């Protein structure tokens, strides 16, 4: 079967599977925290155990699905913007070459289901899939880039994602510190 649209649904499946593996971890973590705080027993008076677990799983699945979908949208935009700036390809044929790279994320998301109780390994697996996909992407579009274009392409992505991670980390740290300082002692 040699249809160019065969792999079109793989990113959605990968997003769902990564979200599901992180949701199972989040569900276990949340249930442990609710039990430690003594809230879980009170919740059982109003809801069934399976209802609580399903509700928590659904909330985490929805949250992680939104995060991964937003990351994919940002990644697609930065890839197309960097192709506009640095590539000699004007008709978009180079982007068709990299569609097979969605197998990388699909495979990583399937592995993440096996590691769903280990948040560190899921994170490492996701970052590794991103790096492998980036190398695959560069390998596939190398012909349409000059040496300066290749350097600019790589630099553009490293700077953008570095700034993005630092901005999110800094904002999260500031929010955490303000929350901790607002607690009464």
C-alpha atoms as a PDB file:
ATOM      1  CA  UNK A   1       0.000   0.000   0.000  1.00  0.00           C
ATOM      2  CA  UNK A   2       1.705   3.159  -1.185  1.00  0.00           C
ATOM      3  CA  UNK A   3      -0.677   5.940  -0.349  1.00  0.00           C
ATOM      4  CA  UNK A   4       0.836   9.261   0.712  1.00  0.00           C
ATOM      5  CA  UNK A   5      -1.992   9.754   3.228  1.00  0.00           C
ATOM      6  CA  UNK A   6      -1.307   6.458   5.001  1.00  0.00           C
ATOM      7  CA  UNK A   7       0.678   8.114   7.775  1.00  0.00           C
ATOM      8  CA  UNK A   8      -1.524  11.207   8.067  1.00  0.00           C
ATOM      9  CA  UNK A   9      -3.254   9.984  11.209  1.00  0.00           C
ATOM     10  CA  UNK A  10      -0.074   8.858  13.016  1.00  0.00           C
ATOM     11  CA  UNK A  11       0.558  12.218  14.757  1.00  0.00           C
ATOM     12  CA  UNK A  12      -2.946  12.143  16.258  1.00  0.00           C
ATOM     13  CA  UNK A  13      -2.461   8.565  17.456  1.00  0.00           C
ATOM     14  CA  UNK A  14       0.959   9.442  18.901  1.00  0.00           C
ATOM     15  CA  UNK A  15      -0.511  12.439  20.745  1.00  0.00           C
ATOM     16  CA  UNK A  16      -3.293  10.281  22.171  1.00  0.00           C
ATOM     17  CA  UNK A  17      -0.886   7.525  23.269  1.00  0.00           C
ATOM     18  CA  UNK A  18       1.621   9.915  24.889  1.00  0.00           C
ATOM     19  CA  UNK A  19      -1.282  11.668  26.613  1.00  0.00           C
ATOM     20  CA  UNK A  20      -2.676   8.342  27.798  1.00  0.00           C
ATOM     21  CA  UNK A  21       0.623   7.160  29.272  1.00  0.00           C
ATOM     22  CA  UNK A  22       1.129  10.450  31.112  1.00  0.00           C
ATOM     23  CA  UNK A  23      -2.509  10.378  32.229  1.00  0.00           C
ATOM     24  CA  UNK A  24      -2.108   6.953  33.812  1.00  0.00           C
ATOM     25  CA  UNK A  25       0.896   8.257  35.713  1.00  0.00           C
ATOM     26  CA  UNK A  26      -1.010  11.413  36.703  1.00  0.00           C
ATOM     27  CA  UNK A  27      -3.974   9.350  37.844  1.00  0.00           C
ATOM     28  CA  UNK A  28      -1.802   7.230  40.135  1.00  0.00           C
ATOM     29  CA  UNK A  29      -0.053  10.300  41.495  1.00  0.00           C
ATOM     30  CA  UNK A  30      -3.328  12.147  42.099  1.00  0.00           C
ATOM     31  CA  UNK A  31      -4.947   9.175  43.838  1.00  0.00           C
ATOM     32  CA  UNK A  32      -1.928   8.834  46.116  1.00  0.00           C
ATOM     33  CA  UNK A  33      -2.076  12.532  46.980  1.00  0.00           C
ATOM     34  CA  UNK A  34      -5.818  12.378  47.646  1.00  0.00           C
ATOM     35  CA  UNK A  35      -5.313   9.401  49.969  1.00  0.00           C
ATOM     36  CA  UNK A  36      -2.436  11.136  51.793  1.00  0.00           C
ATOM     37  CA  UNK A  37      -4.550  14.252  52.305  1.00  0.00           C
ATOM     38  CA  UNK A  38      -7.484  12.154  53.554  1.00  0.00           C
ATOM     39  CA  UNK A  39      -9.837  13.425  50.855  1.00  0.00           C
ATOM     40  CA  UNK A  40     -10.213  10.165  48.968  1.00  0.00           C
ATOM     41  CA  UNK A  41     -12.358   8.459  51.624  1.00  0.00           C
ATOM     42  CA  UNK A  42     -14.780  11.374  51.605  1.00  0.00           C
ATOM     43  CA  UNK A  43     -14.991  11.257  47.813  1.00  0.00           C
ATOM     44  CA  UNK A  44     -15.924   7.568  47.975  1.00  0.00           C
ATOM     45  CA  UNK A  45     -19.115   8.528  49.827  1.00  0.00           C
ATOM     46  CA  UNK A  46     -20.358  10.383  46.746  1.00  0.00           C
ATOM     47  CA  UNK A  47     -18.705   8.546  43.838  1.00  0.00           C
ATOM     48  CA  UNK A  48     -17.626   5.013  43.071  1.00  0.00           C
ATOM     49  CA  UNK A  49     -13.947   4.153  43.028  1.00  0.00           C
ATOM     50  CA  UNK A  50     -13.996   3.454  39.305  1.00  0.00           C
ATOM     51  CA  UNK A  51     -15.880   6.711  38.680  1.00  0.00           C
ATOM     52  CA  UNK A  52     -13.216   8.715  40.493  1.00  0.00           C
ATOM     53  CA  UNK A  53     -10.413   6.971  38.652  1.00  0.00           C
ATOM     54  CA  UNK A  54     -12.119   7.433  35.295  1.00  0.00           C
ATOM     55  CA  UNK A  55     -12.815  11.118  35.938  1.00  0.00           C
ATOM     56  CA  UNK A  56      -9.217  11.809  36.971  1.00  0.00           C
ATOM     57  CA  UNK A  57      -7.917   9.866  33.960  1.00  0.00           C
ATOM     58  CA  UNK A  58     -10.188  11.822  31.607  1.00  0.00           C
ATOM     59  CA  UNK A  59      -9.133  15.207  33.038  1.00  0.00           C
ATOM     60  CA  UNK A  60      -5.435  14.361  32.715  1.00  0.00           C
ATOM     61  CA  UNK A  61      -5.961  12.914  29.225  1.00  0.00           C
ATOM     62  CA  UNK A  62      -7.679  16.105  28.119  1.00  0.00           C
ATOM     63  CA  UNK A  63      -4.976  18.285  29.676  1.00  0.00           C
ATOM     64  CA  UNK A  64      -2.060  16.388  28.122  1.00  0.00           C
ATOM     65  CA  UNK A  65      -3.854  16.135  24.766  1.00  0.00           C
ATOM     66  CA  UNK A  66      -4.185  19.926  24.686  1.00  0.00           C
ATOM     67  CA  UNK A  67      -0.516  20.419  25.617  1.00  0.00           C
ATOM     68  CA  UNK A  68       0.782  17.989  22.983  1.00  0.00           C
ATOM     69  CA  UNK A  69      -1.570  19.390  20.348  1.00  0.00           C
ATOM     70  CA  UNK A  70      -0.330  22.901  21.052  1.00  0.00           C
ATOM     71  CA  UNK A  71       3.288  21.709  20.876  1.00  0.00           C
ATOM     72  CA  UNK A  72       2.611  20.051  17.518  1.00  0.00           C
ATOM     73  CA  UNK A  73       1.014  23.218  16.185  1.00  0.00           C
ATOM     74  CA  UNK A  74       3.993  25.293  17.331  1.00  0.00           C
ATOM     75  CA  UNK A  75       6.454  22.755  15.866  1.00  0.00           C
ATOM     76  CA  UNK A  76       4.666  22.677  12.505  1.00  0.00           C
ATOM     77  CA  UNK A  77       4.660  26.471  12.381  1.00  0.00           C
ATOM     78  CA  UNK A  78       8.356  26.779  13.237  1.00  0.00           C
ATOM     79  CA  UNK A  79       9.281  24.088  10.697  1.00  0.00           C
ATOM     80  CA  UNK A  80       7.388  25.811   7.914  1.00  0.00           C
ATOM     81  CA  UNK A  81       8.739  29.209   8.920  1.00  0.00           C
ATOM     82  CA  UNK A  82      12.316  27.918   8.937  1.00  0.00           C
ATOM     83  CA  UNK A  83      11.721  26.237   5.558  1.00  0.00           C
ATOM     84  CA  UNK A  84      10.545  29.628   4.245  1.00  0.00           C
ATOM     85  CA  UNK A  85      13.691  31.354   5.494  1.00  0.00           C
ATOM     86  CA  UNK A  86      16.374  28.772   4.754  1.00  0.00           C
ATOM     87  CA  UNK A  87      15.183  26.277   2.120  1.00  0.00           C
ATOM     88  CA  UNK A  88      15.450  26.497  -1.650  1.00  0.00           C
ATOM     89  CA  UNK A  89      12.237  24.451  -1.936  1.00  0.00           C
ATOM     90  CA  UNK A  90       9.418  26.673  -3.142  1.00  0.00           C
ATOM     91  CA  UNK A  91       6.625  24.186  -3.833  1.00  0.00           C
ATOM     92  CA  UNK A  92       6.657  22.280  -0.531  1.00  0.00           C
ATOM     93  CA  UNK A  93       7.788  18.959  -1.962  1.00  0.00           C
ATOM     94  CA  UNK A  94      10.425  18.615   0.761  1.00  0.00           C
ATOM     95  CA  UNK A  95       7.733  18.486   3.436  1.00  0.00           C
ATOM     96  CA  UNK A  96       6.219  15.423   1.745  1.00  0.00           C
ATOM     97  CA  UNK A  97       9.533  13.600   2.190  1.00  0.00           C
ATOM     98  CA  UNK A  98       9.372  13.887   5.962  1.00  0.00           C
ATOM     99  CA  UNK A  99       5.876  12.497   6.495  1.00  0.00           C
ATOM    100  CA  UNK A 100       7.368   9.082   7.142  1.00  0.00           C
ATOM    101  CA  UNK A 101       8.989  10.564  10.252  1.00  0.00           C
ATOM    102  CA  UNK A 102       5.670  10.287  12.037  1.00  0.00           C
ATOM    103  CA  UNK A 103       6.602   6.625  12.584  1.00  0.00           C
ATOM    104  CA  UNK A 104       9.228   7.856  15.045  1.00  0.00           C
ATOM    105  CA  UNK A 105       6.661   9.485  17.317  1.00  0.00           C
ATOM    106  CA  UNK A 106       4.229   6.603  16.901  1.00  0.00           C
ATOM    107  CA  UNK A 107       6.866   4.090  17.993  1.00  0.00           C
ATOM    108  CA  UNK A 108       7.930   6.275  20.922  1.00  0.00           C
ATOM    109  CA  UNK A 109       4.323   6.717  22.034  1.00  0.00           C
ATOM    110  CA  UNK A 110       3.778   2.952  21.962  1.00  0.00           C
ATOM    111  CA  UNK A 111       6.894   2.512  24.117  1.00  0.00           C
ATOM    112  CA  UNK A 112       5.607   5.173  26.500  1.00  0.00           C
ATOM    113  CA  UNK A 113       2.606   2.975  27.268  1.00  0.00           C
ATOM    114  CA  UNK A 114       5.022   0.335  28.572  1.00  0.00           C
ATOM    115  CA  UNK A 115       6.684   2.944  30.794  1.00  0.00           C
ATOM    116  CA  UNK A 116       3.521   4.659  32.001  1.00  0.00           C
ATOM    117  CA  UNK A 117       4.468   4.454  35.680  1.00  0.00           C
ATOM    118  CA  UNK A 118       7.873   6.095  35.111  1.00  0.00           C
ATOM    119  CA  UNK A 119       7.464   9.799  34.366  1.00  0.00           C
ATOM    120  CA  UNK A 120      11.202  10.360  33.904  1.00  0.00           C
ATOM    121  CA  UNK A 121      11.484   7.690  31.222  1.00  0.00           C
ATOM    122  CA  UNK A 122       8.400   8.994  29.405  1.00  0.00           C
ATOM    123  CA  UNK A 123       9.988  12.449  29.319  1.00  0.00           C
ATOM    124  CA  UNK A 124      13.316  11.053  28.118  1.00  0.00           C
ATOM    125  CA  UNK A 125      11.500   9.024  25.469  1.00  0.00           C
ATOM    126  CA  UNK A 126       9.610  12.094  24.233  1.00  0.00           C
ATOM    127  CA  UNK A 127      12.756  14.246  24.066  1.00  0.00           C
ATOM    128  CA  UNK A 128      14.631  11.427  22.311  1.00  0.00           C
ATOM    129  CA  UNK A 129      11.817  11.071  19.760  1.00  0.00           C
ATOM    130  CA  UNK A 130      11.950  14.821  19.119  1.00  0.00           C
ATOM    131  CA  UNK A 131      15.720  14.744  18.585  1.00  0.00           C
ATOM    132  CA  UNK A 132      15.583  11.672  16.329  1.00  0.00           C
ATOM    133  CA  UNK A 133      12.774  13.259  14.306  1.00  0.00           C
ATOM    134  CA  UNK A 134      14.768  16.488  13.977  1.00  0.00           C
ATOM    135  CA  UNK A 135      17.802  14.578  12.680  1.00  0.00           C
ATOM    136  CA  UNK A 136      15.561  12.608  10.310  1.00  0.00           C
ATOM    137  CA  UNK A 137      14.007  15.859   9.119  1.00  0.00           C
ATOM    138  CA  UNK A 138      17.391  17.449   8.420  1.00  0.00           C
ATOM    139  CA  UNK A 139      18.578  14.304   6.627  1.00  0.00           C
ATOM    140  CA  UNK A 140      15.519  14.330   4.358  1.00  0.00           C
ATOM    141  CA  UNK A 141      15.619  18.044   3.475  1.00  0.00           C
ATOM    142  CA  UNK A 142      19.413  18.363   3.304  1.00  0.00           C
ATOM    143  CA  UNK A 143      19.335  18.592  -0.510  1.00  0.00           C
ATOM    144  CA  UNK A 144      17.242  21.759  -0.458  1.00  0.00           C
ATOM    145  CA  UNK A 145      19.519  23.586   1.991  1.00  0.00           C
ATOM    146  CA  UNK A 146      22.809  25.328   1.398  1.00  0.00           C
ATOM    147  CA  UNK A 147      25.497  25.088   4.076  1.00  0.00           C
ATOM    148  CA  UNK A 148      24.487  28.491   5.449  1.00  0.00           C
ATOM    149  CA  UNK A 149      20.824  27.491   5.154  1.00  0.00           C
ATOM    150  CA  UNK A 150      21.508  24.303   7.135  1.00  0.00           C
ATOM    151  CA  UNK A 151      23.298  26.237   9.853  1.00  0.00           C
ATOM    152  CA  UNK A 152      20.512  28.814   9.946  1.00  0.00           C
ATOM    153  CA  UNK A 153      17.841  26.103  10.037  1.00  0.00           C
ATOM    154  CA  UNK A 154      19.449  24.313  12.970  1.00  0.00           C
ATOM    155  CA  UNK A 155      20.256  27.551  14.784  1.00  0.00           C
ATOM    156  CA  UNK A 156      16.689  28.814  14.318  1.00  0.00           C
ATOM    157  CA  UNK A 157      15.210  25.704  15.931  1.00  0.00           C
ATOM    158  CA  UNK A 158      17.744  25.486  18.746  1.00  0.00           C
ATOM    159  CA  UNK A 159      17.252  29.147  19.652  1.00  0.00           C
ATOM    160  CA  UNK A 160      13.456  29.004  19.368  1.00  0.00           C
ATOM    161  CA  UNK A 161      12.980  25.832  21.421  1.00  0.00           C
ATOM    162  CA  UNK A 162      15.642  26.878  23.926  1.00  0.00           C
ATOM    163  CA  UNK A 163      13.905  30.229  24.448  1.00  0.00           C
ATOM    164  CA  UNK A 164      10.527  28.500  24.639  1.00  0.00           C
ATOM    165  CA  UNK A 165      11.673  26.023  27.302  1.00  0.00           C
ATOM    166  CA  UNK A 166      13.440  28.748  29.294  1.00  0.00           C
ATOM    167  CA  UNK A 167      10.383  31.035  29.150  1.00  0.00           C
ATOM    168  CA  UNK A 168       8.026  28.265  30.290  1.00  0.00           C
ATOM    169  CA  UNK A 169      10.466  27.168  33.012  1.00  0.00           C
ATOM    170  CA  UNK A 170      11.024  30.705  34.250  1.00  0.00           C
ATOM    171  CA  UNK A 171       7.302  31.464  34.297  1.00  0.00           C
ATOM    172  CA  UNK A 172       6.542  28.207  36.110  1.00  0.00           C
ATOM    173  CA  UNK A 173       9.256  28.884  38.680  1.00  0.00           C
ATOM    174  CA  UNK A 174       7.976  32.418  39.302  1.00  0.00           C
ATOM    175  CA  UNK A 175       4.417  31.140  39.681  1.00  0.00           C
ATOM    176  CA  UNK A 176       5.562  28.403  42.086  1.00  0.00           C
ATOM    177  CA  UNK A 177       7.589  30.871  44.174  1.00  0.00           C
ATOM    178  CA  UNK A 178       4.705  33.327  44.406  1.00  0.00           C
ATOM    179  CA  UNK A 179       2.392  30.500  45.449  1.00  0.00           C
ATOM    180  CA  UNK A 180       4.810  29.309  48.149  1.00  0.00           C
ATOM    181  CA  UNK A 181       5.309  32.869  49.450  1.00  0.00           C
ATOM    182  CA  UNK A 182       1.570  33.404  49.696  1.00  0.00           C
ATOM    183  CA  UNK A 183       1.096  30.425  52.027  1.00  0.00           C
ATOM    184  CA  UNK A 184       0.705  31.352  55.691  1.00  0.00           C
ATOM    185  CA  UNK A 185       3.331  29.950  58.039  1.00  0.00           C
END
